[in-house]
Protein backbone atom coordinates (compact mmCIF):
# COMPACT_ATOMS: atom_id res chain seq x y z
CA MET A 1 -24.84 46.36 31.06
CA SER A 2 -27.24 45.34 28.31
CA MET A 3 -26.10 44.35 24.86
CA LYS A 4 -27.85 44.50 21.52
CA PRO A 5 -28.72 41.06 20.04
CA ALA A 6 -25.91 41.26 17.44
CA GLU A 7 -23.28 41.90 20.11
CA THR A 8 -21.81 39.24 22.37
CA LYS A 9 -18.90 38.60 24.70
CA VAL A 10 -16.38 36.02 23.50
CA ALA A 11 -12.81 35.01 24.18
CA ARG A 12 -10.03 36.74 22.25
CA GLY A 13 -8.90 35.27 18.97
CA ARG A 14 -8.45 35.75 15.27
CA ALA A 15 -11.34 36.72 13.02
CA LYS A 16 -13.32 33.65 12.11
CA THR A 17 -14.50 32.72 8.66
CA PRO A 18 -17.69 34.54 7.70
CA ALA A 19 -20.89 33.14 9.14
CA PRO A 20 -23.71 32.16 6.79
CA ASP A 21 -25.11 35.68 7.24
CA GLY A 22 -21.89 37.15 5.73
CA ARG A 23 -20.67 38.70 8.97
CA VAL A 24 -17.58 38.33 11.17
CA THR A 25 -17.08 39.04 14.84
CA ILE A 26 -14.65 41.81 15.69
CA GLU A 27 -13.10 43.01 18.94
CA ASN A 28 -12.19 46.44 20.31
CA VAL A 29 -8.87 46.83 22.13
CA ASN A 30 -10.36 49.68 24.18
CA VAL A 31 -13.23 47.52 25.53
CA PRO A 32 -11.87 44.02 26.35
CA GLY A 33 -14.43 41.23 26.00
CA TYR A 34 -16.84 43.30 23.89
CA THR A 35 -17.46 42.13 20.35
CA LYS A 36 -19.61 43.18 17.44
CA ARG A 37 -20.60 41.56 14.15
CA VAL A 38 -19.84 43.42 10.93
CA ASP A 39 -20.00 42.80 7.18
CA ALA A 40 -17.32 40.22 6.31
CA ALA A 41 -16.57 41.49 2.79
CA LYS A 42 -15.98 45.07 3.92
CA TYR A 43 -13.97 43.93 6.95
CA THR A 44 -11.76 41.65 4.83
CA ALA A 45 -11.17 44.30 2.17
CA MET A 46 -10.20 46.93 4.74
CA ARG A 47 -8.07 44.46 6.73
CA ARG A 48 -6.13 43.61 3.59
CA ALA A 49 -5.68 47.31 2.73
CA LEU A 50 -4.64 48.30 6.24
CA LEU A 51 -2.07 45.52 6.58
CA LYS A 52 -0.71 46.44 3.14
CA VAL A 53 -0.10 50.11 3.99
CA LEU A 54 0.97 49.87 7.65
CA PRO A 55 4.75 49.78 8.04
CA SER A 56 6.50 47.38 10.38
CA ARG A 57 9.10 50.00 11.34
CA ALA A 58 9.00 51.70 14.73
CA LEU A 59 7.69 55.09 13.58
CA GLY A 60 4.42 53.69 12.21
CA MET A 61 1.50 55.80 10.96
CA THR A 62 -0.97 58.16 12.59
CA GLN A 63 -4.73 57.60 12.24
CA ALA A 64 -4.97 60.32 9.59
CA GLU A 65 -2.06 58.81 7.64
CA MET A 66 -3.71 55.36 7.77
CA VAL A 67 -7.01 56.64 6.42
CA ALA A 68 -5.28 58.62 3.67
CA ALA A 69 -3.20 55.57 2.71
CA VAL A 70 -6.09 53.10 2.51
CA VAL A 71 -8.65 55.32 0.77
CA ASP A 72 -7.70 54.04 -2.72
CA HIS A 73 -7.18 50.38 -1.82
CA PRO A 74 -10.60 48.86 -1.03
CA PRO A 75 -12.82 47.83 -3.95
CA LEU A 76 -15.12 50.61 -5.18
CA ASP A 77 -18.12 48.28 -5.22
CA LEU A 78 -17.80 47.90 -1.42
CA PHE A 79 -16.90 51.53 -0.70
CA PRO A 80 -18.43 53.67 -3.48
CA GLY A 81 -16.95 57.16 -3.49
CA GLY A 82 -14.85 56.36 -0.42
CA GLU A 83 -17.99 55.95 1.68
CA LYS A 84 -17.19 55.27 5.36
CA VAL A 85 -13.55 54.37 4.63
CA GLY A 86 -12.42 56.20 7.78
CA TRP A 87 -14.93 54.35 9.97
CA TRP A 88 -13.93 50.98 8.56
CA ALA A 89 -10.21 51.76 8.87
CA LYS A 90 -10.65 52.63 12.56
CA THR A 91 -12.87 49.60 13.22
CA VAL A 92 -10.39 47.20 11.63
CA GLN A 93 -7.45 48.95 13.34
CA LEU A 94 -9.06 48.43 16.78
CA ASP A 95 -9.80 44.78 15.98
CA LEU A 96 -6.30 44.03 14.70
CA GLU A 97 -4.83 45.77 17.72
CA ALA A 98 -7.00 43.63 20.03
CA LYS A 99 -5.75 40.52 18.22
CA GLY A 100 -2.10 41.63 18.53
CA MET A 101 -1.53 41.93 14.78
CA ILE A 102 -0.76 45.65 14.96
CA HIS A 103 0.63 47.71 17.83
CA ARG A 104 0.59 51.29 19.09
CA ALA A 105 3.99 52.91 19.27
CA VAL A 106 4.90 53.45 22.90
CA ASP A 107 4.82 57.09 24.08
CA ALA A 108 4.20 58.47 20.58
CA LYS A 109 2.33 61.77 20.25
CA PRO A 110 0.19 61.72 18.19
CA LEU A 111 -0.64 58.02 18.45
CA ARG A 112 1.00 55.83 15.81
CA TRP A 113 0.44 52.23 14.75
CA GLN A 114 2.63 49.62 13.07
CA ARG A 115 2.32 45.99 12.01
CA GLY A 116 3.21 43.19 14.44
CA ARG A 117 6.54 43.05 16.20
């Protein structure tokens, strides 16, 4: 399996402080060991928004509910006109899930997420 230069395999852990290039390394819960580097400012803004809107109660939120809830939270200078808010919400959701900060509700249809247990 070949990887692009910006993608590496690393051990699990919390998001690090931004590198000098303004990027952070994220994980994907669906592909253990695979990481990717993304814009730190956009990641941090969406992470803050997602953790603010996600409930800690058992019912949680669906993907559509998460995107609808965070659309007004990130700074407009980073996401003008709501540009790619859904993509960033999903990217951050997968990373936070890989880090154990948010969890999928067990046996929920449709899938639902909530903050840490």
